[in-house]
Amino acid sequence: MARFDGDAKLLESETIASARVRNPERLAEEIRALALKLSSNEKSAISGLALGIPGLVDSRTGIVHRSPHFPEWRDVPLADQLQRDFSFPVSMDNDANQAALGESWKGAGRHWKDFFLITLGTGIGGGIILDGNIYRGPSGFAGELGHIVIDRGGHSGALGSAGTLETLASQSGLCASLQRLQKYSKNLSPSLSACGAQASDLPRQLYDLAKSGDPDARAIWEDLGNALGAGIASTAHTLGIFKCVIGGGLSGAWEFFGDASLRTARSCSYDYTAAELEIVPAELGDQAGLIGGVKRLKADSTGTI
C-alpha cells in the first residue's frame, strides 16, 4: 500500500507478506490498519483508496468472487467491508488490470493506445488496454490470460486445467522445468542440482545461475520464454492487438527469456502480423498497480476506466 500525490509521485509506502492475508477477514484488517496509518495525518487530502486484487474481481460491486491462489476468498464484499471505515471512496479492480493502467499512464505502454499486459509471478495475470482504457468485457472479467491452454499434456494449474500459460510461464513453470532437468539430465551442474524446485527464492537462484553463465539455468528461462511467446501469439491474434508489455516479479529476468518469447510469438504469427508484433518489459516494477490505482482515482465520473 502506498500514498501518492495526484501526479503519481510516491509519498509513503508499506509492505506486508501475502502469507499474512490469505484469510479475507485478516486482509481487510491489514488494509484497514495500513490505510488509517497512511491517511492519519492527511485526512483532508485523501481522494480515495484503490485496491488491486488477484482473481475474478467485480469492479462495479467491489466483490472478489474467486482468487485462485487464495481459495478461502469466495464472493467477498471487500470494498463494502472497508468503506464503512473511511470518508473517502473505496474502489477495487483486478490487480493486473490496475497494473496495465499504470503502464499505460506512466510506463512502457504510454505511447500505445492499445496493448495487453501479462504479469509473471507466482501465477499469471493479464490486463487489456483499448483506446487508453481497461477492457473488461461484458462479464467484467476479461484479461485472465494465464488460463490460455498451451499444452493439454502439461500439468494442472490453479483451476485444474492442464498446460495453461500460467503452469508453463510462471514460477510453477520454472519449478516444472527444473524438476524435469533434475530427473532426466545426466550432466546437470552441481549448483542447479542443489536448487530446491519449490523454494520461494527459486526465480532468484535461477536468475543468478543464468547470470553466471550456467547453460541449464538459461535453458529453463528459454523454456519459459517459448511458452510465453505462444501465449502472446494466441492473445495477439484473438484481440488483433500486437503490442505486449511483460510485468510481474519474473520480468526482472527479461534478458534471459525476452528474445525467446518474441521469436516464438513471431513464429506462430502470419508474416504480416509478425512484423507488427512488439513485446517489451514493463517499466514501473512493483509500483505499476499502485500507479494504476492513482489513475483510477483521477478518472472522471464517466466510468470509462
Foldseek 3Di string as FASTA:
>chain_A
DFDAPLVRDTDDDDDDDVVQCLAPVSVLVVVLVVVCVRCVVPQVRDQEAEEAAAADAQQVQCFHCQHLVRHNRHRHNSQVSNQVVHPHHYTYAHLQQLLVLLCCVPKDNVVPQWEKEWEAELFIWIWTGHRSFTDQPPVRNPTRLQQQADDQPAAADSVGGGRGLRCCQHLVNLLVLLVVCLVPPPDADPQSVPDDSPDNCVLVSLLVCVVVPRPSSLVSLQRNLLSLLVSLLVVCVVVVHQEYEYAYDSCVSCVSRVVSSLVNNLVSDDVVSNVVHDYYYMDPHPCSSVSSSSVVSVDDPPPRD
